Amino acid sequence: MKRLILATNDTGAESIRQAGLADVMIGFRPRFVWGPLASQAELATLLEARSAKHDLIGAHWLDYLDRRLFADSSRDLGLVEFCERFEAIELWADPRPNDQLTLVRLLDFLHPHETITSRLSLVQLDDVMSGFLPEAIAKWGLPAGKISDDHLQASSMTWHAYRAPTPEGCFNLLSADLTKLPQLRRAIVALLEELPGRATGLSATEMRMLELVSEGYMNPIALFPHHLHQQRKVFGFF
C-alpha cells in the first residue's frame, strides 16, 4: 500500500521523511498568521495542476520540493490528482496556530473530493515535530484517526470564519464543537489574543515583549517569537 504523509509545515516534514514513515512526504509552506490572506482563487490556484498561472516560483504547491523526489511528471500535478496515486494519506498537524490553519485549509479544500477524504487520516501532534530527531519520530507509532464528516465540517466552518473580514466568526468558534480537531480551539484562542487589546491597543505577543524588557531582557533576540522566554507561539521567527 502506497502511503503519503502531508505535514502542516515544511520544517518538520524533513524529519518525518528521514524517519522513513511513508513512500512520499510533503510539507506545506503557506503562512496564514501574518499579513493579508490570499484570495480564495489564489489559494485554489496554488493547489491546482501546473499551468501558465504558475509562472512565479512558489505559485505551485510543489515548487519548493527537491526535484529528485519526483521520478516523473508528478511534480506538475494538483493536490487532488497527486493524492489519487496513494492508497493511504495521512495529515500530520503540529499544534501551532499556523499549522492548525493549514490543517483546516487542506481539509476544506479536499472536502468535496470523497475519493480522497475516504483515504485520509489525521495524526495530531502535541508538540512541534521539527524538535525531534528522525530516529525518535520513527519509534512514535502515533495513531492515525480516520477523517470523518465531523472533521470536514469543523474545518470548513473554521476556515470560513478565519477568512471573514471581522473576527466575530472566530469568537463564535469558541462555543462550537471542535473536539474532532483537539488542538484547534487553543489555536483559535491564541489567534484572537493577537487582536489589539482594549486597554493598550497591543497584542498578546507585543505585551509579552514589553514584559520581557521590564524583566531585563535587552537583547532583541530574546524578544522574538521563537525564543524560549517569549512563550507566545503564534508567529514564527520572521
Protein backbone atom coordinates (compact mmCIF):
# COMPACT_ATOMS: atom_id res chain seq x y z
CA MET A 1 0.00 0.00 0.00
CA LYS A 2 1.49 3.33 -1.07
CA ARG A 3 1.43 5.82 1.78
CA LEU A 4 1.54 9.61 1.56
CA ILE A 5 2.12 11.95 4.50
CA LEU A 6 1.18 15.61 4.21
CA ALA A 7 2.67 17.74 7.01
CA THR A 8 1.40 21.17 8.03
CA ASN A 9 4.87 22.68 7.77
CA ASP A 10 7.99 22.05 5.75
CA THR A 11 10.49 22.14 8.65
CA GLY A 12 9.05 19.09 10.37
CA ALA A 13 8.47 17.32 7.07
CA GLU A 14 12.18 16.66 6.60
CA SER A 15 12.41 14.86 9.97
CA ILE A 16 9.44 12.65 9.05
CA ARG A 17 10.94 11.98 5.62
CA GLN A 18 14.20 10.83 7.18
CA ALA A 19 12.26 8.61 9.58
CA GLY A 20 11.04 6.65 6.55
CA LEU A 21 7.39 6.52 7.61
CA ALA A 22 5.90 6.96 4.14
CA ASP A 23 6.59 6.46 0.46
CA VAL A 24 6.26 10.22 -0.08
CA MET A 25 6.43 13.01 2.49
CA ILE A 26 5.41 16.60 1.67
CA GLY A 27 5.34 19.65 3.91
CA PHE A 28 3.39 22.82 3.23
CA ARG A 29 4.88 26.32 3.32
CA PRO A 30 1.95 28.78 3.36
CA ARG A 31 1.78 31.14 6.32
CA PHE A 32 -1.67 32.33 7.33
CA VAL A 33 -1.00 34.12 10.62
CA TRP A 34 0.67 37.27 9.28
CA GLY A 35 -0.30 39.75 6.60
CA PRO A 36 -3.35 39.75 4.33
CA LEU A 37 -4.70 36.37 3.26
CA ALA A 38 -4.52 35.46 -0.40
CA SER A 39 -7.85 35.34 -2.21
CA GLN A 40 -9.76 32.07 -2.50
CA ALA A 41 -8.88 32.00 -6.21
CA GLU A 42 -5.16 32.42 -5.48
CA LEU A 43 -5.23 29.72 -2.81
CA ALA A 44 -7.07 27.36 -5.14
CA THR A 45 -4.55 28.02 -7.92
CA LEU A 46 -1.71 27.12 -5.56
CA LEU A 47 -3.08 23.57 -5.24
CA GLU A 48 -4.10 23.08 -8.88
CA ALA A 49 -2.17 21.27 -11.63
CA ARG A 50 0.68 23.32 -13.05
CA SER A 51 -0.32 25.72 -15.82
CA ALA A 52 0.52 29.15 -17.22
CA LYS A 53 -0.90 30.61 -13.99
CA HIS A 54 2.11 29.20 -12.12
CA ASP A 55 4.72 31.40 -13.74
CA LEU A 56 6.32 32.55 -10.46
CA ILE A 57 8.35 30.38 -8.08
CA GLY A 58 6.11 29.45 -5.20
CA ALA A 59 2.90 29.73 -7.20
CA HIS A 60 2.57 25.91 -7.32
CA TRP A 61 2.38 23.83 -4.15
CA LEU A 62 5.31 21.58 -5.18
CA ASP A 63 7.70 24.31 -6.33
CA TYR A 64 9.98 24.16 -3.30
CA LEU A 65 10.39 20.39 -3.16
CA ASP A 66 13.57 18.74 -4.34
CA ARG A 67 13.09 17.62 -7.93
CA ARG A 68 14.92 14.39 -7.12
CA LEU A 69 11.93 13.30 -5.03
CA PHE A 70 9.83 13.01 -8.18
CA ALA A 71 10.64 10.38 -10.77
CA ASP A 72 8.04 11.52 -13.30
CA SER A 73 5.66 14.36 -14.10
CA SER A 74 4.01 14.15 -10.67
CA ARG A 75 5.71 17.43 -9.74
CA ASP A 76 3.21 19.18 -12.02
CA LEU A 77 0.08 17.62 -10.52
CA GLY A 78 -2.52 19.35 -8.42
CA LEU A 79 -3.04 18.18 -4.84
CA VAL A 80 -6.13 16.11 -5.64
CA GLU A 81 -4.51 14.35 -8.61
CA PHE A 82 -1.37 13.73 -6.56
CA CYS A 83 -3.32 12.20 -3.68
CA GLU A 84 -5.17 9.86 -6.08
CA ARG A 85 -1.89 7.96 -6.56
CA PHE A 86 -1.88 6.74 -2.95
CA GLU A 87 -4.00 4.20 -1.09
CA ALA A 88 -3.37 5.80 2.33
CA ILE A 89 -2.97 9.50 3.06
CA GLU A 90 -2.10 10.95 6.46
CA LEU A 91 -2.22 14.57 7.56
CA TRP A 92 0.33 15.31 10.29
CA ALA A 93 -0.52 18.51 12.16
CA ASP A 94 1.60 20.45 14.64
CA PRO A 95 -0.29 22.30 17.41
CA ARG A 96 0.86 25.82 16.47
CA PRO A 97 -1.80 28.20 15.13
CA ASN A 98 -0.39 28.39 11.61
CA ASP A 99 -0.28 24.60 11.43
CA GLN A 100 -3.88 24.34 12.60
CA LEU A 101 -4.91 26.86 9.96
CA THR A 102 -3.03 24.86 7.34
CA LEU A 103 -4.83 21.73 8.53
CA VAL A 104 -8.31 23.25 8.24
CA ARG A 105 -7.41 24.84 4.91
CA LEU A 106 -6.36 21.47 3.46
CA LEU A 107 -9.42 19.68 4.82
CA ASP A 108 -11.71 22.40 3.49
CA PHE A 109 -10.06 22.14 0.07
CA LEU A 110 -10.36 18.34 -0.01
CA HIS A 111 -13.89 18.30 1.44
CA PRO A 112 -15.68 17.92 -1.93
CA HIS A 113 -13.40 15.04 -3.02
CA GLU A 114 -14.83 11.96 -1.31
CA THR A 115 -12.46 9.61 -3.13
CA ILE A 116 -9.60 11.39 -1.32
CA THR A 117 -11.19 12.06 2.08
CA SER A 118 -12.17 8.37 2.34
CA ARG A 119 -8.44 7.51 2.37
CA LEU A 120 -7.48 10.34 4.69
CA SER A 121 -6.35 10.05 8.32
CA LEU A 122 -5.18 12.62 10.86
CA VAL A 123 -2.16 12.42 13.14
CA GLN A 124 -2.45 15.29 15.62
CA LEU A 125 0.79 16.06 17.43
CA ASP A 126 1.02 17.56 20.91
CA ASP A 127 4.42 19.10 20.19
CA VAL A 128 6.30 20.57 17.23
CA MET A 129 7.63 17.79 15.04
CA SER A 130 10.75 19.69 13.96
CA GLY A 131 12.03 19.46 17.55
CA PHE A 132 12.57 15.70 17.28
CA LEU A 133 15.23 13.62 15.57
CA PRO A 134 14.13 11.25 12.78
CA GLU A 135 15.06 8.17 14.81
CA ALA A 136 12.76 9.33 17.62
CA ILE A 137 9.89 10.01 15.22
CA ALA A 138 10.33 6.56 13.69
CA LYS A 139 9.52 4.98 17.09
CA TRP A 140 6.44 7.07 17.89
CA GLY A 141 3.76 4.82 16.44
CA LEU A 142 1.20 7.61 16.69
CA PRO A 143 -2.42 6.67 15.99
CA ALA A 144 -3.94 7.95 12.78
CA GLY A 145 -7.66 8.65 13.15
CA LYS A 146 -9.86 8.40 10.07
CA ILE A 147 -11.21 11.69 8.79
CA SER A 148 -14.98 11.86 9.21
CA ASP A 149 -17.63 14.30 8.07
CA ASP A 150 -17.38 15.95 11.51
CA HIS A 151 -13.71 16.74 10.85
CA LEU A 152 -14.57 18.22 7.47
CA GLN A 153 -17.49 20.28 8.77
CA ALA A 154 -15.43 21.72 11.63
CA SER A 155 -12.59 22.54 9.24
CA SER A 156 -14.79 24.32 6.69
CA MET A 157 -16.55 26.28 9.44
CA THR A 158 -13.21 27.37 10.92
CA TRP A 159 -11.61 28.28 7.61
CA HIS A 160 -14.58 30.38 6.52
CA ALA A 161 -14.64 32.16 9.90
CA TYR A 162 -10.91 32.92 9.69
CA ARG A 163 -11.28 34.30 6.18
CA ALA A 164 -14.03 36.70 7.22
CA PRO A 165 -13.11 40.41 7.32
CA THR A 166 -14.09 40.74 11.01
CA PRO A 167 -13.40 38.37 13.94
CA GLU A 168 -16.96 37.66 15.17
CA GLY A 169 -17.00 34.28 13.42
CA CYS A 170 -13.78 33.24 15.14
CA PHE A 171 -15.19 34.24 18.54
CA ASN A 172 -18.26 32.12 17.75
CA LEU A 173 -15.98 29.14 17.15
CA LEU A 174 -15.17 29.09 20.87
CA SER A 175 -18.67 27.82 21.58
CA ALA A 176 -18.72 25.39 18.62
CA ASP A 177 -17.86 21.69 18.79
CA LEU A 178 -14.25 21.46 17.63
CA THR A 179 -13.38 18.30 19.58
CA LYS A 180 -12.58 16.31 16.44
CA LEU A 181 -9.60 18.66 15.95
CA PRO A 182 -8.22 18.68 19.51
CA GLN A 183 -5.61 21.43 19.07
CA LEU A 184 -7.81 23.80 17.10
CA ARG A 185 -9.66 25.61 19.88
CA ARG A 186 -6.40 26.50 21.63
CA ALA A 187 -5.02 27.82 18.35
CA ILE A 188 -8.11 29.98 17.78
CA VAL A 189 -7.79 31.44 21.30
CA ALA A 190 -4.11 32.26 20.67
CA LEU A 191 -5.00 33.98 17.38
CA LEU A 192 -7.79 36.02 18.97
CA GLU A 193 -5.40 37.14 21.71
CA GLU A 194 -3.29 38.78 19.00
CA LEU A 195 -6.07 41.28 18.28
CA PRO A 196 -5.37 44.75 19.75
CA GLY A 197 -6.28 44.85 23.44
CA ARG A 198 -8.96 47.32 24.53
CA ALA A 199 -6.79 48.93 27.22
CA THR A 200 -3.47 49.17 25.36
CA GLY A 201 -4.09 48.59 21.66
CA LEU A 202 -1.35 45.95 21.82
CA SER A 203 -1.46 42.24 21.03
CA ALA A 204 -0.51 39.46 23.45
CA THR A 205 2.86 38.98 21.73
CA GLU A 206 3.61 42.72 21.94
CA MET A 207 2.62 42.79 25.62
CA ARG A 208 4.90 39.83 26.29
CA MET A 209 7.77 41.70 24.59
CA LEU A 210 7.27 44.61 26.98
CA GLU A 211 7.18 42.22 29.94
CA LEU A 212 10.50 40.74 28.87
CA VAL A 213 12.03 44.21 28.55
CA SER A 214 10.81 45.04 32.06
CA GLU A 215 12.40 41.81 33.31
CA GLY A 216 15.77 42.91 31.94
CA TYR A 217 15.97 41.15 28.58
CA MET A 218 17.77 43.72 26.44
CA ASN A 219 18.93 41.55 23.52
CA PRO A 220 16.33 41.76 20.72
CA ILE A 221 16.75 38.04 20.00
CA ALA A 222 15.20 37.28 23.41
CA LEU A 223 12.06 39.13 22.36
CA PHE A 224 11.49 37.21 19.13
CA PRO A 225 8.54 34.78 18.99
CA HIS A 226 10.76 31.70 18.65
CA HIS A 227 12.69 32.38 21.86
CA LEU A 228 12.21 30.16 24.91
CA HIS A 229 11.25 33.08 27.15
CA GLN A 230 8.72 34.57 24.72
CA GLN A 231 6.14 31.82 25.35
CA ARG A 232 3.86 33.16 22.59
CA LYS A 233 3.92 30.73 19.64
CA VAL A 234 1.57 32.35 17.13
CA PHE A 235 4.25 33.94 14.95
CA GLY A 236 7.43 32.44 13.54
CA PHE A 237 10.91 33.91 13.57
CA PHE A 238 10.50 36.13 10.53
